[in-house]
Amino acid sequence: MKTFYLSLITICLFLISCNEEDGIARDSIKLSENHVEFGCEPSKKLITKNFNWAIISIKENGVDVNFGDKVHPKDYKLDYEGGWYRIKRDNKDLIISVIENSTNSQRQLDINLQAGNWYGSKISIEQKGGNKLLF
């Protein structure tokens, strides 16, 4: 009889504990935009839902960028300047600025974000060639 009750309790606990799949992360970053195309505007501000996220990688035209010592993880700040762009992060705000693209080639920038075990937030930035920005 003890075995029956023990088996019944074990089965009940097993069924109750398996309501959700483990390891499925949710997007807590909630970007205001995932894709940005620059024309004449020199900068774009993206808003996030919370500040508990980090920039984990930046790719400029498909090549990884080393921005290591520019990140301040304790106060959630980043100020990184590339050859034709600047990425500034202050708490929930992410400001992306670009300079004039006088070439005929398109520029591409990919920024990957992480919050906990969520790695699914990516910002794609495109700047068409031959743009004249008005500063």
C-alpha atoms as a PDB file:
ATOM      1  CA  MET A   1       0.000   0.000   0.000  1.00  0.00           C
ATOM      2  CA  LYS A   2       2.884   2.340   0.778  1.00  0.00           C
ATOM      3  CA  THR A   3       4.283   1.669  -2.675  1.00  0.00           C
ATOM      4  CA  PHE A   4       0.953   2.574  -4.258  1.00  0.00           C
ATOM      5  CA  TYR A   5       0.726   5.926  -2.437  1.00  0.00           C
ATOM      6  CA  LEU A   6       4.357   6.699  -3.109  1.00  0.00           C
ATOM      7  CA  SER A   7       3.872   5.931  -6.804  1.00  0.00           C
ATOM      8  CA  LEU A   8       0.704   8.041  -6.933  1.00  0.00           C
ATOM      9  CA  ILE A   9       2.429  11.021  -5.297  1.00  0.00           C
ATOM     10  CA  THR A  10       5.418  10.669  -7.626  1.00  0.00           C
ATOM     11  CA  ILE A  11       3.184  10.600 -10.706  1.00  0.00           C
ATOM     12  CA  CYS A  12       1.202  13.626  -9.482  1.00  0.00           C
ATOM     13  CA  LEU A  13       4.373  15.604  -8.797  1.00  0.00           C
ATOM     14  CA  PHE A  14       5.754  14.650 -12.195  1.00  0.00           C
ATOM     15  CA  LEU A  15       2.593  15.808 -13.985  1.00  0.00           C
ATOM     16  CA  ILE A  16       2.423  19.074 -12.047  1.00  0.00           C
ATOM     17  CA  SER A  17       6.079  19.928 -12.603  1.00  0.00           C
ATOM     18  CA  CYS A  18       5.984  19.434 -16.389  1.00  0.00           C
ATOM     19  CA  ASN A  19       3.592  22.244 -17.306  1.00  0.00           C
ATOM     20  CA  GLU A  20       6.250  24.411 -18.984  1.00  0.00           C
ATOM     21  CA  GLU A  21       9.213  23.554 -21.120  1.00  0.00           C
ATOM     22  CA  ASP A  22      12.508  24.319 -19.416  1.00  0.00           C
ATOM     23  CA  GLY A  23      14.977  26.623 -21.053  1.00  0.00           C
ATOM     24  CA  ILE A  24      12.577  28.659 -23.151  1.00  0.00           C
ATOM     25  CA  ALA A  25      13.566  32.274 -22.676  1.00  0.00           C
ATOM     26  CA  ARG A  26      11.321  35.249 -23.241  1.00  0.00           C
ATOM     27  CA  ASP A  27      12.180  38.569 -24.813  1.00  0.00           C
ATOM     28  CA  SER A  28      12.445  40.978 -21.898  1.00  0.00           C
ATOM     29  CA  ILE A  29      14.368  43.583 -23.919  1.00  0.00           C
ATOM     30  CA  LYS A  30      11.410  44.598 -26.140  1.00  0.00           C
ATOM     31  CA  LEU A  31      13.181  46.799 -28.692  1.00  0.00           C
ATOM     32  CA  SER A  32      11.176  49.634 -30.212  1.00  0.00           C
ATOM     33  CA  GLU A  33      12.675  48.694 -33.624  1.00  0.00           C
ATOM     34  CA  ASN A  34      14.740  45.768 -34.914  1.00  0.00           C
ATOM     35  CA  HIS A  35      15.607  47.143 -38.338  1.00  0.00           C
ATOM     36  CA  VAL A  36      16.826  50.692 -38.985  1.00  0.00           C
ATOM     37  CA  GLU A  37      17.491  52.246 -42.387  1.00  0.00           C
ATOM     38  CA  PHE A  38      19.352  55.530 -42.429  1.00  0.00           C
ATOM     39  CA  GLY A  39      18.695  58.107 -45.074  1.00  0.00           C
ATOM     40  CA  CYS A  40      19.203  61.762 -44.185  1.00  0.00           C
ATOM     41  CA  GLU A  41      18.787  61.485 -40.427  1.00  0.00           C
ATOM     42  CA  PRO A  42      22.100  61.416 -38.532  1.00  0.00           C
ATOM     43  CA  SER A  43      20.915  59.403 -35.520  1.00  0.00           C
ATOM     44  CA  LYS A  44      18.211  57.120 -34.245  1.00  0.00           C
ATOM     45  CA  LYS A  45      17.159  56.434 -30.675  1.00  0.00           C
ATOM     46  CA  LEU A  46      15.877  52.965 -29.831  1.00  0.00           C
ATOM     47  CA  ILE A  47      13.957  52.388 -26.626  1.00  0.00           C
ATOM     48  CA  THR A  48      13.943  49.139 -24.658  1.00  0.00           C
ATOM     49  CA  LYS A  49      11.515  47.934 -22.003  1.00  0.00           C
ATOM     50  CA  ASN A  50      14.139  47.407 -19.315  1.00  0.00           C
ATOM     51  CA  PHE A  51      17.784  48.157 -18.670  1.00  0.00           C
ATOM     52  CA  ASN A  52      18.948  44.664 -17.715  1.00  0.00           C
ATOM     53  CA  TRP A  53      20.504  43.736 -21.068  1.00  0.00           C
ATOM     54  CA  ALA A  54      23.917  43.818 -22.675  1.00  0.00           C
ATOM     55  CA  ILE A  55      25.390  44.275 -26.136  1.00  0.00           C
ATOM     56  CA  ILE A  56      27.190  41.009 -26.814  1.00  0.00           C
ATOM     57  CA  SER A  57      28.420  41.571 -30.351  1.00  0.00           C
ATOM     58  CA  ILE A  58      28.703  44.162 -33.087  1.00  0.00           C
ATOM     59  CA  LYS A  59      29.323  43.280 -36.727  1.00  0.00           C
ATOM     60  CA  GLU A  60      30.320  45.941 -39.226  1.00  0.00           C
ATOM     61  CA  ASN A  61      29.688  44.776 -42.793  1.00  0.00           C
ATOM     62  CA  GLY A  62      29.820  41.159 -41.571  1.00  0.00           C
ATOM     63  CA  VAL A  63      33.080  41.517 -39.607  1.00  0.00           C
ATOM     64  CA  ASP A  64      33.156  41.247 -35.791  1.00  0.00           C
ATOM     65  CA  VAL A  65      34.079  44.459 -33.956  1.00  0.00           C
ATOM     66  CA  ASN A  66      36.126  44.398 -30.738  1.00  0.00           C
ATOM     67  CA  PHE A  67      34.504  46.945 -28.405  1.00  0.00           C
ATOM     68  CA  GLY A  68      35.715  45.317 -25.153  1.00  0.00           C
ATOM     69  CA  ASP A  69      36.967  48.138 -22.911  1.00  0.00           C
ATOM     70  CA  LYS A  70      34.181  50.534 -23.953  1.00  0.00           C
ATOM     71  CA  VAL A  71      31.514  48.617 -21.998  1.00  0.00           C
ATOM     72  CA  HIS A  72      30.694  49.525 -18.412  1.00  0.00           C
ATOM     73  CA  PRO A  73      28.496  46.621 -17.262  1.00  0.00           C
ATOM     74  CA  LYS A  74      27.828  47.878 -13.749  1.00  0.00           C
ATOM     75  CA  ASP A  75      26.120  51.079 -14.868  1.00  0.00           C
ATOM     76  CA  TYR A  76      24.790  49.744 -18.202  1.00  0.00           C
ATOM     77  CA  LYS A  77      26.665  52.264 -20.329  1.00  0.00           C
ATOM     78  CA  LEU A  78      28.467  51.961 -23.633  1.00  0.00           C
ATOM     79  CA  ASP A  79      29.976  54.628 -25.839  1.00  0.00           C
ATOM     80  CA  TYR A  80      31.664  53.134 -28.874  1.00  0.00           C
ATOM     81  CA  GLU A  81      32.693  54.962 -32.022  1.00  0.00           C
ATOM     82  CA  GLY A  82      33.445  53.051 -35.213  1.00  0.00           C
ATOM     83  CA  GLY A  83      34.660  54.456 -38.507  1.00  0.00           C
ATOM     84  CA  TRP A  84      31.234  55.675 -39.676  1.00  0.00           C
ATOM     85  CA  TYR A  85      28.955  55.084 -36.691  1.00  0.00           C
ATOM     86  CA  ARG A  86      28.616  55.643 -32.973  1.00  0.00           C
ATOM     87  CA  ILE A  87      26.707  53.457 -30.534  1.00  0.00           C
ATOM     88  CA  LYS A  88      25.789  54.982 -27.209  1.00  0.00           C
ATOM     89  CA  ARG A  89      23.841  53.181 -24.531  1.00  0.00           C
ATOM     90  CA  ASP A  90      22.536  54.773 -21.359  1.00  0.00           C
ATOM     91  CA  ASN A  91      20.212  52.592 -19.278  1.00  0.00           C
ATOM     92  CA  LYS A  92      17.165  51.874 -21.502  1.00  0.00           C
ATOM     93  CA  ASP A  93      18.186  54.099 -24.418  1.00  0.00           C
ATOM     94  CA  LEU A  94      20.335  52.978 -27.320  1.00  0.00           C
ATOM     95  CA  ILE A  95      21.374  55.818 -29.642  1.00  0.00           C
ATOM     96  CA  ILE A  96      22.891  54.959 -32.999  1.00  0.00           C
ATOM     97  CA  SER A  97      24.494  57.774 -34.999  1.00  0.00           C
ATOM     98  CA  VAL A  98      25.986  57.580 -38.482  1.00  0.00           C
ATOM     99  CA  ILE A  99      28.022  59.947 -40.631  1.00  0.00           C
ATOM    100  CA  GLU A 100      27.566  60.685 -44.296  1.00  0.00           C
ATOM    101  CA  ASN A 101      27.977  57.786 -46.692  1.00  0.00           C
ATOM    102  CA  SER A 102      29.400  59.383 -49.815  1.00  0.00           C
ATOM    103  CA  THR A 103      30.401  56.018 -51.287  1.00  0.00           C
ATOM    104  CA  ASN A 104      28.154  54.039 -53.594  1.00  0.00           C
ATOM    105  CA  SER A 105      28.242  50.967 -51.352  1.00  0.00           C
ATOM    106  CA  GLN A 106      25.721  50.133 -48.671  1.00  0.00           C
ATOM    107  CA  ARG A 107      26.865  49.949 -45.050  1.00  0.00           C
ATOM    108  CA  GLN A 108      25.607  47.244 -42.706  1.00  0.00           C
ATOM    109  CA  LEU A 109      25.783  47.059 -38.918  1.00  0.00           C
ATOM    110  CA  ASP A 110      24.392  44.237 -36.767  1.00  0.00           C
ATOM    111  CA  ILE A 111      24.092  44.562 -32.994  1.00  0.00           C
ATOM    112  CA  ASN A 112      23.206  41.499 -30.896  1.00  0.00           C
ATOM    113  CA  LEU A 113      21.716  41.897 -27.431  1.00  0.00           C
ATOM    114  CA  GLN A 114      21.371  39.511 -24.505  1.00  0.00           C
ATOM    115  CA  ALA A 115      19.150  39.540 -21.427  1.00  0.00           C
ATOM    116  CA  GLY A 116      19.647  36.560 -19.126  1.00  0.00           C
ATOM    117  CA  ASN A 117      19.380  33.489 -21.342  1.00  0.00           C
ATOM    118  CA  TRP A 118      17.588  35.414 -24.138  1.00  0.00           C
ATOM    119  CA  TYR A 119      19.854  35.879 -27.157  1.00  0.00           C
ATOM    120  CA  GLY A 120      17.196  36.621 -29.784  1.00  0.00           C
ATOM    121  CA  SER A 121      17.340  40.417 -30.014  1.00  0.00           C
ATOM    122  CA  LYS A 122      19.232  41.702 -33.024  1.00  0.00           C
ATOM    123  CA  ILE A 123      19.294  45.201 -34.476  1.00  0.00           C
ATOM    124  CA  SER A 124      20.077  45.455 -38.186  1.00  0.00           C
ATOM    125  CA  ILE A 125      21.212  48.851 -39.425  1.00  0.00           C
ATOM    126  CA  GLU A 126      21.549  49.743 -43.085  1.00  0.00           C
ATOM    127  CA  GLN A 127      22.814  52.926 -44.655  1.00  0.00           C
ATOM    128  CA  LYS A 128      22.418  53.277 -48.388  1.00  0.00           C
ATOM    129  CA  GLY A 129      25.325  54.541 -50.459  1.00  0.00           C
ATOM    130  CA  GLY A 130      25.528  58.127 -51.666  1.00  0.00           C
ATOM    131  CA  ASN A 131      23.548  59.595 -48.741  1.00  0.00           C
ATOM    132  CA  LYS A 132      24.154  63.183 -47.749  1.00  0.00           C
ATOM    133  CA  LEU A 133      23.376  63.759 -44.099  1.00  0.00           C
ATOM    134  CA  LEU A 134      22.376  67.200 -42.945  1.00  0.00           C
ATOM    135  CA  PHE A 135      24.090  67.995 -39.642  1.00  0.00           C
END
